[in-house]
Amino acid sequence: MHNLPQKDPDNGTASTPASLEQTLQELARLQKENEALRRERDCYLRAVKKLLPVEHFSFDADELADLEKNGCTFDDILADLKALGIEV
């Protein structure tokens, strides 16, 4: 664990210019670490997405016109989810 500068108990601010410099260095280090972790997370996410099966959804003009005219019910949505293997 990195040591952050101690705060002045009277006003809660860093107590010396040196501690300000330490705080800024720690901030820069944490920002770099955060960015590296975000890149790693994104890499894992892309890998997981590549492992998942690709689902293709398509609608023809008649199906879209019917949805625009009649909408769809909650039961229709549940049936579609079940057909995809998603338990609800």
PDB file of N, CA and C in Angstrom:
ATOM      1  N   MET A   1       0.847  -1.175   0.000  1.00  0.00           N
ATOM      2  CA  MET A   1       0.000   0.000   0.000  1.00  0.00           C
ATOM      3  C   MET A   1       0.886   1.230   0.000  1.00  0.00           C
ATOM      4  N   HIS A   2       0.572   2.192  -0.806  1.00  0.00           N
ATOM      5  CA  HIS A   2       1.349   3.416  -0.877  1.00  0.00           C
ATOM      6  C   HIS A   2       0.896   4.365   0.211  1.00  0.00           C
ATOM      7  N   ASN A   3       1.852   5.075   0.766  1.00  0.00           N
ATOM      8  CA  ASN A   3       1.519   6.019   1.834  1.00  0.00           C
ATOM      9  C   ASN A   3       1.127   7.355   1.245  1.00  0.00           C
ATOM     10  N   LEU A   4      -0.041   7.789   1.580  1.00  0.00           N
ATOM     11  CA  LEU A   4      -0.479   9.118   1.189  1.00  0.00           C
ATOM     12  C   LEU A   4      -0.050  10.098   2.259  1.00  0.00           C
ATOM     13  N   PRO A   5       0.154  11.346   1.914  1.00  0.00           N
ATOM     14  CA  PRO A   5       0.561  12.323   2.922  1.00  0.00           C
ATOM     15  C   PRO A   5      -0.502  12.478   3.998  1.00  0.00           C
ATOM     16  N   GLN A   6      -0.041  12.787   5.186  1.00  0.00           N
ATOM     17  CA  GLN A   6      -0.955  13.006   6.297  1.00  0.00           C
ATOM     18  C   GLN A   6      -1.673  14.335   6.114  1.00  0.00           C
ATOM     19  N   LYS A   7      -2.890  14.377   6.565  1.00  0.00           N
ATOM     20  CA  LYS A   7      -3.669  15.616   6.471  1.00  0.00           C
ATOM     21  C   LYS A   7      -3.540  16.411   7.750  1.00  0.00           C
ATOM     22  N   ASP A   8      -3.579  17.705   7.587  1.00  0.00           N
ATOM     23  CA  ASP A   8      -3.557  18.611   8.735  1.00  0.00           C
ATOM     24  C   ASP A   8      -4.887  18.451   9.463  1.00  0.00           C
ATOM     25  N   PRO A   9      -4.877  18.081  10.743  1.00  0.00           N
ATOM     26  CA  PRO A   9      -6.134  17.844  11.453  1.00  0.00           C
ATOM     27  C   PRO A   9      -6.994  19.098  11.601  1.00  0.00           C
ATOM     28  N   ASP A  10      -6.377  20.283  11.505  1.00  0.00           N
ATOM     29  CA  ASP A  10      -7.149  21.510  11.685  1.00  0.00           C
ATOM     30  C   ASP A  10      -8.036  21.835  10.480  1.00  0.00           C
ATOM     31  N   ASN A  11      -7.501  21.613   9.283  1.00  0.00           N
ATOM     32  CA  ASN A  11      -8.300  22.007   8.119  1.00  0.00           C
ATOM     33  C   ASN A  11      -8.464  20.903   7.076  1.00  0.00           C
ATOM     34  N   GLY A  12      -7.883  19.725   7.303  1.00  0.00           N
ATOM     35  CA  GLY A  12      -8.088  18.602   6.402  1.00  0.00           C
ATOM     36  C   GLY A  12      -7.335  18.671   5.097  1.00  0.00           C
ATOM     37  N   THR A  13      -6.382  19.598   4.965  1.00  0.00           N
ATOM     38  CA  THR A  13      -5.620  19.709   3.727  1.00  0.00           C
ATOM     39  C   THR A  13      -4.234  19.123   3.926  1.00  0.00           C
ATOM     40  N   ALA A  14      -3.553  18.849   2.817  1.00  0.00           N
ATOM     41  CA  ALA A  14      -2.182  18.351   2.913  1.00  0.00           C
ATOM     42  C   ALA A  14      -1.334  19.410   3.592  1.00  0.00           C
ATOM     43  N   SER A  15      -0.402  18.959   4.406  1.00  0.00           N
ATOM     44  CA  SER A  15       0.274  19.894   5.300  1.00  0.00           C
ATOM     45  C   SER A  15       1.495  20.578   4.717  1.00  0.00           C
ATOM     46  N   THR A  16       2.127  20.045   3.662  1.00  0.00           N
ATOM     47  CA  THR A  16       3.341  20.674   3.132  1.00  0.00           C
ATOM     48  C   THR A  16       3.338  20.597   1.619  1.00  0.00           C
ATOM     49  N   PRO A  17       4.157  21.457   0.983  1.00  0.00           N
ATOM     50  CA  PRO A  17       4.278  21.362  -0.475  1.00  0.00           C
ATOM     51  C   PRO A  17       4.823  20.002  -0.912  1.00  0.00           C
ATOM     52  N   ALA A  18       5.704  19.409  -0.102  1.00  0.00           N
ATOM     53  CA  ALA A  18       6.236  18.093  -0.436  1.00  0.00           C
ATOM     54  C   ALA A  18       5.114  17.061  -0.441  1.00  0.00           C
ATOM     55  N   SER A  19       4.194  17.168   0.504  1.00  0.00           N
ATOM     56  CA  SER A  19       3.095  16.213   0.536  1.00  0.00           C
ATOM     57  C   SER A  19       2.151  16.425  -0.646  1.00  0.00           C
ATOM     58  N   LEU A  20       2.044  17.652  -1.111  1.00  0.00           N
ATOM     59  CA  LEU A  20       1.245  17.917  -2.310  1.00  0.00           C
ATOM     60  C   LEU A  20       1.877  17.207  -3.505  1.00  0.00           C
ATOM     61  N   GLU A  21       3.189  17.296  -3.606  1.00  0.00           N
ATOM     62  CA  GLU A  21       3.892  16.625  -4.686  1.00  0.00           C
ATOM     63  C   GLU A  21       3.699  15.111  -4.596  1.00  0.00           C
ATOM     64  N   GLN A  22       3.757  14.560  -3.386  1.00  0.00           N
ATOM     65  CA  GLN A  22       3.528  13.128  -3.195  1.00  0.00           C
ATOM     66  C   GLN A  22       2.112  12.749  -3.621  1.00  0.00           C
ATOM     67  N   THR A  23       1.166  13.582  -3.267  1.00  0.00           N
ATOM     68  CA  THR A  23      -0.226  13.318  -3.612  1.00  0.00           C
ATOM     69  C   THR A  23      -0.409  13.340  -5.127  1.00  0.00           C
ATOM     70  N   LEU A  24       0.211  14.297  -5.790  1.00  0.00           N
ATOM     71  CA  LEU A  24       0.102  14.380  -7.245  1.00  0.00           C
ATOM     72  C   LEU A  24       0.767  13.180  -7.916  1.00  0.00           C
ATOM     73  N   GLN A  25       1.889  12.745  -7.371  1.00  0.00           N
ATOM     74  CA  GLN A  25       2.557  11.562  -7.911  1.00  0.00           C
ATOM     75  C   GLN A  25       1.681  10.324  -7.720  1.00  0.00           C
ATOM     76  N   GLU A  26       1.102  10.209  -6.548  1.00  0.00           N
ATOM     77  CA  GLU A  26       0.217   9.074  -6.271  1.00  0.00           C
ATOM     78  C   GLU A  26      -1.003   9.116  -7.191  1.00  0.00           C
ATOM     79  N   LEU A  27      -1.547  10.302  -7.419  1.00  0.00           N
ATOM     80  CA  LEU A  27      -2.683  10.453  -8.328  1.00  0.00           C
ATOM     81  C   LEU A  27      -2.297  10.002  -9.733  1.00  0.00           C
ATOM     82  N   ALA A  28      -1.145  10.424 -10.210  1.00  0.00           N
ATOM     83  CA  ALA A  28      -0.690  10.038 -11.545  1.00  0.00           C
ATOM     84  C   ALA A  28      -0.504   8.524 -11.627  1.00  0.00           C
ATOM     85  N   ARG A  29       0.079   7.922 -10.590  1.00  0.00           N
ATOM     86  CA  ARG A  29       0.282   6.477 -10.575  1.00  0.00           C
ATOM     87  C   ARG A  29      -1.051   5.738 -10.611  1.00  0.00           C
ATOM     88  N   LEU A  30      -2.008   6.213  -9.811  1.00  0.00           N
ATOM     89  CA  LEU A  30      -3.320   5.565  -9.770  1.00  0.00           C
ATOM     90  C   LEU A  30      -4.076   5.727 -11.085  1.00  0.00           C
ATOM     91  N   GLN A  31      -3.915   6.874 -11.735  1.00  0.00           N
ATOM     92  CA  GLN A  31      -4.563   7.068 -13.031  1.00  0.00           C
ATOM     93  C   GLN A  31      -3.998   6.111 -14.069  1.00  0.00           C
ATOM     94  N   LYS A  32      -2.667   5.900 -14.048  1.00  0.00           N
ATOM     95  CA  LYS A  32      -2.050   4.941 -14.975  1.00  0.00           C
ATOM     96  C   LYS A  32      -2.526   3.529 -14.678  1.00  0.00           C
ATOM     97  N   GLU A  33      -2.583   3.191 -13.395  1.00  0.00           N
ATOM     98  CA  GLU A  33      -3.048   1.863 -13.002  1.00  0.00           C
ATOM     99  C   GLU A  33      -4.499   1.654 -13.425  1.00  0.00           C
ATOM    100  N   ASN A  34      -5.324   2.671 -13.241  1.00  0.00           N
ATOM    101  CA  ASN A  34      -6.728   2.606 -13.625  1.00  0.00           C
ATOM    102  C   ASN A  34      -6.854   2.363 -15.128  1.00  0.00           C
ATOM    103  N   GLU A  35      -6.079   3.093 -15.910  1.00  0.00           N
ATOM    104  CA  GLU A  35      -6.130   2.938 -17.362  1.00  0.00           C
ATOM    105  C   GLU A  35      -5.685   1.532 -17.775  1.00  0.00           C
ATOM    106  N   ALA A  36      -4.635   1.021 -17.136  1.00  0.00           N
ATOM    107  CA  ALA A  36      -4.167  -0.333 -17.454  1.00  0.00           C
ATOM    108  C   ALA A  36      -5.236  -1.363 -17.113  1.00  0.00           C
ATOM    109  N   LEU A  37      -5.895  -1.193 -15.980  1.00  0.00           N
ATOM    110  CA  LEU A  37      -6.951  -2.122 -15.579  1.00  0.00           C
ATOM    111  C   LEU A  37      -8.152  -2.043 -16.514  1.00  0.00           C
ATOM    112  N   ARG A  38      -8.472  -0.848 -16.982  1.00  0.00           N
ATOM    113  CA  ARG A  38      -9.567  -0.707 -17.944  1.00  0.00           C
ATOM    114  C   ARG A  38      -9.242  -1.430 -19.250  1.00  0.00           C
ATOM    115  N   ARG A  39      -7.982  -1.290 -19.709  1.00  0.00           N
ATOM    116  CA  ARG A  39      -7.587  -1.992 -20.941  1.00  0.00           C
ATOM    117  C   ARG A  39      -7.671  -3.503 -20.743  1.00  0.00           C
ATOM    118  N   GLU A  40      -7.214  -3.971 -19.589  1.00  0.00           N
ATOM    119  CA  GLU A  40      -7.274  -5.405 -19.298  1.00  0.00           C
ATOM    120  C   GLU A  40      -8.724  -5.893 -19.253  1.00  0.00           C
ATOM    121  N   ARG A  41      -9.600  -5.109 -18.593  1.00  0.00           N
ATOM    122  CA  ARG A  41     -11.018  -5.468 -18.516  1.00  0.00           C
ATOM    123  C   ARG A  41     -11.622  -5.545 -19.919  1.00  0.00           C
ATOM    124  N   ASP A  42     -11.315  -4.546 -20.749  1.00  0.00           N
ATOM    125  CA  ASP A  42     -11.871  -4.516 -22.105  1.00  0.00           C
ATOM    126  C   ASP A  42     -11.380  -5.700 -22.929  1.00  0.00           C
ATOM    127  N   CYS A  43     -10.127  -6.083 -22.718  1.00  0.00           N
ATOM    128  CA  CYS A  43      -9.567  -7.239 -23.420  1.00  0.00           C
ATOM    129  C   CYS A  43     -10.317  -8.509 -23.024  1.00  0.00           C
ATOM    130  N   TYR A  44     -10.537  -8.697 -21.733  1.00  0.00           N
ATOM    131  CA  TYR A  44     -11.290  -9.859 -21.272  1.00  0.00           C
ATOM    132  C   TYR A  44     -12.714  -9.838 -21.812  1.00  0.00           C
ATOM    133  N   LEU A  45     -13.335  -8.675 -21.824  1.00  0.00           N
ATOM    134  CA  LEU A  45     -14.700  -8.566 -22.327  1.00  0.00           C
ATOM    135  C   LEU A  45     -14.772  -8.965 -23.799  1.00  0.00           C
ATOM    136  N   ARG A  46     -13.812  -8.492 -24.599  1.00  0.00           N
ATOM    137  CA  ARG A  46     -13.796  -8.874 -26.021  1.00  0.00           C
ATOM    138  C   ARG A  46     -13.615 -10.387 -26.170  1.00  0.00           C
ATOM    139  N   ALA A  47     -12.749 -10.966 -25.333  1.00  0.00           N
ATOM    140  CA  ALA A  47     -12.516 -12.410 -25.406  1.00  0.00           C
ATOM    141  C   ALA A  47     -13.781 -13.190 -25.052  1.00  0.00           C
ATOM    142  N   VAL A  48     -14.471 -12.758 -24.010  1.00  0.00           N
ATOM    143  CA  VAL A  48     -15.703 -13.441 -23.606  1.00  0.00           C
ATOM    144  C   VAL A  48     -16.756 -13.324 -24.701  1.00  0.00           C
ATOM    145  N   LYS A  49     -16.874 -12.142 -25.295  1.00  0.00           N
ATOM    146  CA  LYS A  49     -17.865 -11.965 -26.362  1.00  0.00           C
ATOM    147  C   LYS A  49     -17.569 -12.857 -27.554  1.00  0.00           C
ATOM    148  N   LYS A  50     -16.273 -13.082 -27.834  1.00  0.00           N
ATOM    149  CA  LYS A  50     -15.916 -13.951 -28.957  1.00  0.00           C
ATOM    150  C   LYS A  50     -16.253 -15.409 -28.661  1.00  0.00           C
ATOM    151  N   LEU A  51     -16.269 -15.770 -27.385  1.00  0.00           N
ATOM    152  CA  LEU A  51     -16.578 -17.149 -27.016  1.00  0.00           C
ATOM    153  C   LEU A  51     -18.081 -17.437 -27.011  1.00  0.00           C
ATOM    154  N   LEU A  52     -18.884 -16.389 -26.891  1.00  0.00           N
ATOM    155  CA  LEU A  52     -20.330 -16.571 -26.849  1.00  0.00           C
ATOM    156  C   LEU A  52     -20.861 -16.870 -28.248  1.00  0.00           C
ATOM    157  N   PRO A  53     -21.907 -17.674 -28.335  1.00  0.00           N
ATOM    158  CA  PRO A  53     -22.478 -17.952 -29.656  1.00  0.00           C
ATOM    159  C   PRO A  53     -23.101 -16.684 -30.248  1.00  0.00           C
ATOM    160  N   VAL A  54     -22.976 -16.591 -31.539  1.00  0.00           N
ATOM    161  CA  VAL A  54     -23.526 -15.429 -32.238  1.00  0.00           C
ATOM    162  C   VAL A  54     -25.006 -15.682 -32.503  1.00  0.00           C
ATOM    163  N   GLU A  55     -25.815 -14.763 -32.079  1.00  0.00           N
ATOM    164  CA  GLU A  55     -27.252 -14.859 -32.324  1.00  0.00           C
ATOM    165  C   GLU A  55     -27.616 -13.890 -33.454  1.00  0.00           C
ATOM    166  N   HIS A  56     -28.337 -14.398 -34.408  1.00  0.00           N
ATOM    167  CA  HIS A  56     -28.770 -13.549 -35.516  1.00  0.00           C
ATOM    168  C   HIS A  56     -30.273 -13.340 -35.403  1.00  0.00           C
ATOM    169  N   PHE A  57     -30.641 -12.103 -35.376  1.00  0.00           N
ATOM    170  CA  PHE A  57     -32.050 -11.755 -35.328  1.00  0.00           C
ATOM    171  C   PHE A  57     -32.377 -11.027 -36.628  1.00  0.00           C
ATOM    172  N   SER A  58     -33.434 -11.449 -37.239  1.00  0.00           N
ATOM    173  CA  SER A  58     -33.836 -10.759 -38.460  1.00  0.00           C
ATOM    174  C   SER A  58     -35.350 -10.623 -38.476  1.00  0.00           C
ATOM    175  N   PHE A  59     -35.775  -9.571 -39.094  1.00  0.00           N
ATOM    176  CA  PHE A  59     -37.204  -9.309 -39.232  1.00  0.00           C
ATOM    177  C   PHE A  59     -37.462  -9.021 -40.693  1.00  0.00           C
ATOM    178  N   ASP A  60     -38.577  -9.558 -41.193  1.00  0.00           N
ATOM    179  CA  ASP A  60     -38.941  -9.176 -42.546  1.00  0.00           C
ATOM    180  C   ASP A  60     -39.915  -7.994 -42.477  1.00  0.00           C
ATOM    181  N   ALA A  61     -40.209  -7.444 -43.614  1.00  0.00           N
ATOM    182  CA  ALA A  61     -41.045  -6.246 -43.660  1.00  0.00           C
ATOM    183  C   ALA A  61     -42.429  -6.500 -43.068  1.00  0.00           C
ATOM    184  N   ASP A  62     -42.987  -7.672 -43.291  1.00  0.00           N
ATOM    185  CA  ASP A  62     -44.316  -7.988 -42.763  1.00  0.00           C
ATOM    186  C   ASP A  62     -44.308  -8.050 -41.236  1.00  0.00           C
ATOM    187  N   GLU A  63     -43.254  -8.678 -40.663  1.00  0.00           N
ATOM    188  CA  GLU A  63     -43.166  -8.755 -39.198  1.00  0.00           C
ATOM    189  C   GLU A  63     -43.026  -7.364 -38.580  1.00  0.00           C
ATOM    190  N   LEU A  64     -42.205  -6.518 -39.202  1.00  0.00           N
ATOM    191  CA  LEU A  64     -42.051  -5.158 -38.681  1.00  0.00           C
ATOM    192  C   LEU A  64     -43.358  -4.371 -38.782  1.00  0.00           C
ATOM    193  N   ALA A  65     -44.059  -4.511 -39.901  1.00  0.00           N
ATOM    194  CA  ALA A  65     -45.337  -3.806 -40.066  1.00  0.00           C
ATOM    195  C   ALA A  65     -46.341  -4.283 -39.023  1.00  0.00           C
ATOM    196  N   ASP A  66     -46.373  -5.602 -38.751  1.00  0.00           N
ATOM    197  CA  ASP A  66     -47.280  -6.138 -37.747  1.00  0.00           C
ATOM    198  C   ASP A  66     -46.941  -5.596 -36.356  1.00  0.00           C
ATOM    199  N   LEU A  67     -45.644  -5.531 -36.033  1.00  0.00           N
ATOM    200  CA  LEU A  67     -45.237  -4.985 -34.723  1.00  0.00           C
ATOM    201  C   LEU A  67     -45.620  -3.512 -34.595  1.00  0.00           C
ATOM    202  N   GLU A  68     -45.437  -2.760 -35.681  1.00  0.00           N
ATOM    203  CA  GLU A  68     -45.806  -1.341 -35.637  1.00  0.00           C
ATOM    204  C   GLU A  68     -47.312  -1.171 -35.452  1.00  0.00           C
ATOM    205  N   LYS A  69     -48.079  -2.031 -36.086  1.00  0.00           N
ATOM    206  CA  LYS A  69     -49.538  -1.919 -36.030  1.00  0.00           C
ATOM    207  C   LYS A  69     -50.089  -2.462 -34.714  1.00  0.00           C
ATOM    208  N   ASN A  70     -49.634  -3.652 -34.295  1.00  0.00           N
ATOM    209  CA  ASN A  70     -50.236  -4.335 -33.162  1.00  0.00           C
ATOM    210  C   ASN A  70     -49.384  -4.358 -31.896  1.00  0.00           C
ATOM    211  N   GLY A  71     -48.122  -4.005 -32.018  1.00  0.00           N
ATOM    212  CA  GLY A  71     -47.238  -4.087 -30.855  1.00  0.00           C
ATOM    213  C   GLY A  71     -46.974  -5.540 -30.506  1.00  0.00           C
ATOM    214  N   CYS A  72     -46.503  -5.768 -29.295  1.00  0.00           N
ATOM    215  CA  CYS A  72     -46.347  -7.148 -28.845  1.00  0.00           C
ATOM    216  C   CYS A  72     -46.648  -7.197 -27.355  1.00  0.00           C
ATOM    217  N   THR A  73     -47.121  -8.337 -26.921  1.00  0.00           N
ATOM    218  CA  THR A  73     -47.522  -8.478 -25.528  1.00  0.00           C
ATOM    219  C   THR A  73     -46.345  -8.964 -24.695  1.00  0.00           C
ATOM    220  N   PHE A  74     -46.494  -8.864 -23.397  1.00  0.00           N
ATOM    221  CA  PHE A  74     -45.482  -9.365 -22.482  1.00  0.00           C
ATOM    222  C   PHE A  74     -45.339 -10.874 -22.636  1.00  0.00           C
ATOM    223  N   ASP A  75     -46.434 -11.565 -22.881  1.00  0.00           N
ATOM    224  CA  ASP A  75     -46.387 -13.013 -23.108  1.00  0.00           C
ATOM    225  C   ASP A  75     -45.560 -13.347 -24.347  1.00  0.00           C
ATOM    226  N   ASP A  76     -45.665 -12.507 -25.377  1.00  0.00           N
ATOM    227  CA  ASP A  76     -44.852 -12.712 -26.579  1.00  0.00           C
ATOM    228  C   ASP A  76     -43.364 -12.585 -26.247  1.00  0.00           C
ATOM    229  N   ILE A  77     -43.032 -11.591 -25.435  1.00  0.00           N
ATOM    230  CA  ILE A  77     -41.639 -11.381 -25.036  1.00  0.00           C
ATOM    231  C   ILE A  77     -41.132 -12.576 -24.237  1.00  0.00           C
ATOM    232  N   LEU A  78     -41.950 -13.057 -23.287  1.00  0.00           N
ATOM    233  CA  LEU A  78     -41.561 -14.220 -22.484  1.00  0.00           C
ATOM    234  C   LEU A  78     -41.359 -15.449 -23.366  1.00  0.00           C
ATOM    235  N   ALA A  79     -42.231 -15.643 -24.319  1.00  0.00           N
ATOM    236  CA  ALA A  79     -42.113 -16.789 -25.223  1.00  0.00           C
ATOM    237  C   ALA A  79     -40.837 -16.693 -26.055  1.00  0.00           C
ATOM    238  N   ASP A  80     -40.511 -15.487 -26.510  1.00  0.00           N
ATOM    239  CA  ASP A  80     -39.275 -15.298 -27.274  1.00  0.00           C
ATOM    240  C   ASP A  80     -38.048 -15.595 -26.420  1.00  0.00           C
ATOM    241  N   LEU A  81     -38.068 -15.151 -25.173  1.00  0.00           N
ATOM    242  CA  LEU A  81     -36.944 -15.412 -24.274  1.00  0.00           C
ATOM    243  C   LEU A  81     -36.798 -16.906 -24.010  1.00  0.00           C
ATOM    244  N   LYS A  82     -37.909 -17.580 -23.779  1.00  0.00           N
ATOM    245  CA  LYS A  82     -37.862 -19.019 -23.559  1.00  0.00           C
ATOM    246  C   LYS A  82     -37.359 -19.762 -24.782  1.00  0.00           C
ATOM    247  N   ALA A  83     -37.739 -19.295 -25.969  1.00  0.00           N
ATOM    248  CA  ALA A  83     -37.270 -19.911 -27.203  1.00  0.00           C
ATOM    249  C   ALA A  83     -35.758 -19.750 -27.368  1.00  0.00           C
ATOM    250  N   LEU A  84     -35.200 -18.699 -26.773  1.00  0.00           N
ATOM    251  CA  LEU A  84     -33.758 -18.485 -26.812  1.00  0.00           C
ATOM    252  C   LEU A  84     -33.035 -19.257 -25.706  1.00  0.00           C
ATOM    253  N   GLY A  85     -33.804 -19.948 -24.875  1.00  0.00           N
ATOM    254  CA  GLY A  85     -33.194 -20.727 -23.803  1.00  0.00           C
ATOM    255  C   GLY A  85     -32.965 -19.932 -22.531  1.00  0.00           C
ATOM    256  N   ILE A  86     -33.619 -18.794 -22.425  1.00  0.00           N
ATOM    257  CA  ILE A  86     -33.475 -17.948 -21.233  1.00  0.00           C
ATOM    258  C   ILE A  86     -34.663 -18.225 -20.317  1.00  0.00           C
ATOM    259  N   GLU A  87     -34.364 -18.725 -19.141  1.00  0.00           N
ATOM    260  CA  GLU A  87     -35.437 -19.034 -18.193  1.00  0.00           C
ATOM    261  C   GLU A  87     -35.905 -17.749 -17.518  1.00  0.00           C
ATOM    262  N   VAL A  88     -37.203 -17.578 -17.482  1.00  0.00           N
ATOM    263  CA  VAL A  88     -37.799 -16.393 -16.816  1.00  0.00           C
ATOM    264  C   VAL A  88     -38.802 -16.819 -15.780  1.00  0.00           C
TER     265      VAL A  88
END
